[in-house]
Amino acid sequence: MTWTVEWDDRARRELRRLDRAVQRQILCYFRERIATDDDPRRFGRGLRHELQGLWRYRIDDYRAVCRIEDDHLVVLVLVVGHRRQVYE
């Protein structure tokens, strides 16, 4: 069972602003780990409070906030950024 990783427009813009090496690292993470695994939740952590229902993935000093849609087998990336700024 493979998952599809889709990117929200905001996340796509934020990804483009990052350094090329970081972009490759983040894309590789989603392509090799998340998309090919049976359960994408095992690599992430569920968020709490006002972000409850969303998941975050840790990629070195960067974070990706995602919504997991089980009925469509889609991981929708909503926000990507440095860990200091991503939750603002």
N, C-alpha and C. Protein backbone atom coordinates (compact mmCIF):
# COMPACT_ATOMS: atom_id res chain seq x y z
N MET A 1 0.84 -1.17 0.00
CA MET A 1 0.00 0.00 0.00
C MET A 1 0.89 1.24 0.00
N THR A 2 0.79 2.06 -1.02
CA THR A 2 1.59 3.27 -1.09
C THR A 2 0.72 4.50 -0.90
N TRP A 3 1.32 5.50 -0.35
CA TRP A 3 0.63 6.76 -0.08
C TRP A 3 1.06 7.80 -1.10
N THR A 4 0.19 8.72 -1.39
CA THR A 4 0.50 9.84 -2.28
C THR A 4 0.78 11.06 -1.42
N VAL A 5 1.86 11.75 -1.73
CA VAL A 5 2.20 12.98 -1.03
C VAL A 5 1.80 14.14 -1.92
N GLU A 6 0.91 14.99 -1.42
CA GLU A 6 0.47 16.18 -2.16
C GLU A 6 0.89 17.41 -1.39
N TRP A 7 1.12 18.49 -2.12
CA TRP A 7 1.63 19.72 -1.53
C TRP A 7 0.60 20.85 -1.68
N ASP A 8 0.26 21.47 -0.57
CA ASP A 8 -0.57 22.66 -0.58
C ASP A 8 0.22 23.79 -1.23
N ASP A 9 -0.46 24.78 -1.80
CA ASP A 9 0.23 25.89 -2.47
C ASP A 9 1.16 26.63 -1.52
N ARG A 10 0.71 26.83 -0.29
CA ARG A 10 1.55 27.53 0.70
C ARG A 10 2.83 26.73 0.98
N ALA A 11 2.70 25.43 1.17
CA ALA A 11 3.85 24.58 1.45
C ALA A 11 4.82 24.57 0.26
N ARG A 12 4.26 24.59 -0.93
CA ARG A 12 5.10 24.61 -2.14
C ARG A 12 5.93 25.89 -2.21
N ARG A 13 5.29 27.03 -1.90
CA ARG A 13 6.02 28.31 -1.89
C ARG A 13 7.10 28.33 -0.81
N GLU A 14 6.76 27.80 0.36
CA GLU A 14 7.74 27.77 1.45
C GLU A 14 8.91 26.86 1.12
N LEU A 15 8.65 25.76 0.47
CA LEU A 15 9.71 24.84 0.07
C LEU A 15 10.66 25.51 -0.92
N ARG A 16 10.10 26.28 -1.86
CA ARG A 16 10.94 26.96 -2.86
C ARG A 16 11.87 27.98 -2.24
N ARG A 17 11.48 28.55 -1.11
CA ARG A 17 12.31 29.57 -0.45
C ARG A 17 13.50 28.98 0.29
N LEU A 18 13.49 27.68 0.52
CA LEU A 18 14.57 27.03 1.26
C LEU A 18 15.77 26.77 0.36
N ASP A 19 16.89 26.52 0.98
CA ASP A 19 18.13 26.18 0.27
C ASP A 19 17.92 24.91 -0.56
N ARG A 20 18.59 24.82 -1.70
CA ARG A 20 18.41 23.68 -2.60
C ARG A 20 18.70 22.34 -1.92
N ALA A 21 19.75 22.29 -1.11
CA ALA A 21 20.10 21.04 -0.43
C ALA A 21 19.00 20.63 0.55
N VAL A 22 18.42 21.59 1.23
CA VAL A 22 17.33 21.31 2.17
C VAL A 22 16.09 20.87 1.40
N GLN A 23 15.81 21.51 0.28
CA GLN A 23 14.68 21.10 -0.56
C GLN A 23 14.81 19.63 -0.96
N ARG A 24 15.98 19.26 -1.43
CA ARG A 24 16.21 17.87 -1.85
C ARG A 24 16.04 16.91 -0.68
N GLN A 25 16.54 17.31 0.48
CA GLN A 25 16.43 16.46 1.66
C GLN A 25 14.97 16.24 2.05
N ILE A 26 14.18 17.29 2.04
CA ILE A 26 12.76 17.19 2.40
C ILE A 26 12.01 16.35 1.38
N LEU A 27 12.23 16.62 0.09
CA LEU A 27 11.55 15.85 -0.96
C LEU A 27 11.93 14.38 -0.91
N CYS A 28 13.20 14.10 -0.67
CA CYS A 28 13.67 12.73 -0.56
C CYS A 28 13.03 12.03 0.64
N TYR A 29 12.90 12.74 1.75
CA TYR A 29 12.26 12.18 2.94
C TYR A 29 10.84 11.73 2.62
N PHE A 30 10.07 12.58 1.98
CA PHE A 30 8.68 12.23 1.67
C PHE A 30 8.61 11.14 0.60
N ARG A 31 9.48 11.19 -0.37
CA ARG A 31 9.45 10.21 -1.45
C ARG A 31 9.87 8.81 -0.97
N GLU A 32 10.92 8.75 -0.15
CA GLU A 32 11.48 7.46 0.23
C GLU A 32 10.88 6.88 1.50
N ARG A 33 10.45 7.71 2.42
CA ARG A 33 9.93 7.20 3.68
C ARG A 33 8.42 7.19 3.73
N ILE A 34 7.83 8.33 3.54
CA ILE A 34 6.39 8.48 3.76
C ILE A 34 5.59 7.79 2.65
N ALA A 35 5.94 8.04 1.40
CA ALA A 35 5.15 7.52 0.28
C ALA A 35 5.24 6.00 0.16
N THR A 36 6.31 5.40 0.62
CA THR A 36 6.49 3.96 0.41
C THR A 36 6.09 3.12 1.61
N ASP A 37 5.77 3.71 2.73
CA ASP A 37 5.46 2.96 3.94
C ASP A 37 3.96 2.68 4.04
N ASP A 38 3.61 1.65 4.77
CA ASP A 38 2.20 1.30 4.98
C ASP A 38 1.50 2.26 5.94
N ASP A 39 2.24 2.81 6.90
CA ASP A 39 1.65 3.70 7.89
C ASP A 39 2.52 4.95 8.06
N PRO A 40 2.15 6.08 7.45
CA PRO A 40 2.98 7.28 7.55
C PRO A 40 2.99 7.87 8.96
N ARG A 41 2.10 7.43 9.82
CA ARG A 41 2.07 7.97 11.18
C ARG A 41 3.27 7.51 12.02
N ARG A 42 3.90 6.43 11.66
CA ARG A 42 4.98 5.93 12.49
C ARG A 42 6.23 6.81 12.42
N PHE A 43 6.34 7.66 11.42
CA PHE A 43 7.49 8.56 11.31
C PHE A 43 7.23 9.93 11.91
N GLY A 44 5.96 10.24 12.17
CA GLY A 44 5.62 11.57 12.64
C GLY A 44 5.07 11.55 14.06
N ARG A 45 4.55 12.70 14.43
CA ARG A 45 3.94 12.85 15.75
C ARG A 45 2.68 13.69 15.60
N GLY A 46 1.64 13.29 16.26
CA GLY A 46 0.40 14.04 16.22
C GLY A 46 0.53 15.35 16.99
N LEU A 47 -0.05 16.40 16.46
CA LEU A 47 0.00 17.70 17.12
C LEU A 47 -1.19 17.84 18.06
N ARG A 48 -1.08 18.80 18.98
CA ARG A 48 -2.12 18.96 20.00
C ARG A 48 -2.70 20.37 19.94
N HIS A 49 -3.65 20.58 20.80
CA HIS A 49 -4.32 21.87 20.99
C HIS A 49 -4.98 22.34 19.70
N GLU A 50 -4.70 23.57 19.25
CA GLU A 50 -5.40 24.09 18.08
C GLU A 50 -4.96 23.41 16.78
N LEU A 51 -3.88 22.67 16.81
CA LEU A 51 -3.42 21.94 15.62
C LEU A 51 -3.76 20.45 15.69
N GLN A 52 -4.64 20.08 16.60
CA GLN A 52 -5.01 18.68 16.75
C GLN A 52 -5.59 18.15 15.45
N GLY A 53 -5.21 16.94 15.12
CA GLY A 53 -5.65 16.32 13.88
C GLY A 53 -4.59 16.41 12.79
N LEU A 54 -3.57 17.23 13.01
CA LEU A 54 -2.47 17.36 12.06
C LEU A 54 -1.26 16.59 12.58
N TRP A 55 -0.36 16.27 11.67
CA TRP A 55 0.85 15.53 12.02
C TRP A 55 2.06 16.34 11.62
N ARG A 56 3.14 16.18 12.37
CA ARG A 56 4.38 16.85 12.01
C ARG A 56 5.46 15.81 11.78
N TYR A 57 6.30 16.13 10.80
CA TYR A 57 7.45 15.29 10.50
C TYR A 57 8.70 16.11 10.72
N ARG A 58 9.68 15.49 11.34
CA ARG A 58 10.94 16.15 11.67
C ARG A 58 11.99 15.74 10.65
N ILE A 59 12.55 16.73 9.97
CA ILE A 59 13.59 16.49 8.97
C ILE A 59 14.73 17.42 9.33
N ASP A 60 15.68 16.92 10.11
CA ASP A 60 16.77 17.72 10.70
C ASP A 60 16.18 18.92 11.45
N ASP A 61 16.57 20.14 11.07
CA ASP A 61 16.08 21.34 11.75
C ASP A 61 14.79 21.86 11.14
N TYR A 62 14.20 21.12 10.25
CA TYR A 62 13.00 21.56 9.56
C TYR A 62 11.81 20.68 9.95
N ARG A 63 10.63 21.25 9.82
CA ARG A 63 9.40 20.52 10.15
C ARG A 63 8.42 20.65 8.99
N ALA A 64 7.63 19.62 8.82
CA ALA A 64 6.55 19.63 7.85
C ALA A 64 5.27 19.29 8.61
N VAL A 65 4.27 20.13 8.50
CA VAL A 65 2.98 19.90 9.12
C VAL A 65 2.04 19.37 8.04
N CYS A 66 1.41 18.23 8.32
CA CYS A 66 0.63 17.53 7.30
C CYS A 66 -0.72 17.09 7.84
N ARG A 67 -1.62 16.86 6.90
CA ARG A 67 -2.91 16.24 7.21
C ARG A 67 -2.90 14.88 6.51
N ILE A 68 -3.22 13.84 7.25
CA ILE A 68 -3.25 12.49 6.71
C ILE A 68 -4.70 12.14 6.40
N GLU A 69 -4.96 11.81 5.15
CA GLU A 69 -6.31 11.46 4.70
C GLU A 69 -6.34 9.96 4.41
N ASP A 70 -6.82 9.21 5.39
CA ASP A 70 -6.81 7.75 5.28
C ASP A 70 -7.69 7.22 4.16
N ASP A 71 -8.82 7.85 3.94
CA ASP A 71 -9.75 7.33 2.93
C ASP A 71 -9.22 7.46 1.51
N HIS A 72 -8.28 8.38 1.28
CA HIS A 72 -7.70 8.55 -0.07
C HIS A 72 -6.24 8.13 -0.14
N LEU A 73 -5.66 7.70 0.97
CA LEU A 73 -4.23 7.36 1.07
C LEU A 73 -3.37 8.54 0.62
N VAL A 74 -3.66 9.72 1.19
CA VAL A 74 -2.95 10.95 0.83
C VAL A 74 -2.37 11.58 2.08
N VAL A 75 -1.12 12.02 1.97
CA VAL A 75 -0.50 12.86 2.99
C VAL A 75 -0.40 14.24 2.36
N LEU A 76 -1.16 15.19 2.89
CA LEU A 76 -1.19 16.55 2.35
C LEU A 76 -0.26 17.43 3.19
N VAL A 77 0.80 17.92 2.58
CA VAL A 77 1.77 18.78 3.27
C VAL A 77 1.20 20.20 3.27
N LEU A 78 0.99 20.75 4.46
CA LEU A 78 0.38 22.07 4.59
C LEU A 78 1.40 23.17 4.81
N VAL A 79 2.44 22.90 5.62
CA VAL A 79 3.44 23.91 5.98
C VAL A 79 4.80 23.23 6.04
N VAL A 80 5.83 23.93 5.54
CA VAL A 80 7.20 23.46 5.64
C VAL A 80 8.05 24.65 6.07
N GLY A 81 8.94 24.43 7.02
CA GLY A 81 9.81 25.52 7.43
C GLY A 81 10.76 25.10 8.54
N HIS A 82 11.59 26.06 8.94
CA HIS A 82 12.51 25.83 10.03
C HIS A 82 11.72 25.64 11.32
N ARG A 83 12.24 24.86 12.22
CA ARG A 83 11.49 24.52 13.43
C ARG A 83 11.12 25.72 14.28
N ARG A 84 11.88 26.81 14.21
CA ARG A 84 11.57 28.01 14.98
C ARG A 84 10.34 28.74 14.44
N GLN A 85 10.05 28.58 13.15
CA GLN A 85 9.02 29.40 12.52
C GLN A 85 7.78 28.62 12.06
N VAL A 86 7.86 27.33 12.01
CA VAL A 86 6.81 26.56 11.34
C VAL A 86 5.47 26.56 12.09
N TYR A 87 5.47 26.72 13.39
CA TYR A 87 4.23 26.64 14.15
C TYR A 87 3.56 27.99 14.36
N GLU A 88 4.12 29.04 13.84
CA GLU A 88 3.57 30.38 14.03
C GLU A 88 2.36 30.64 13.17
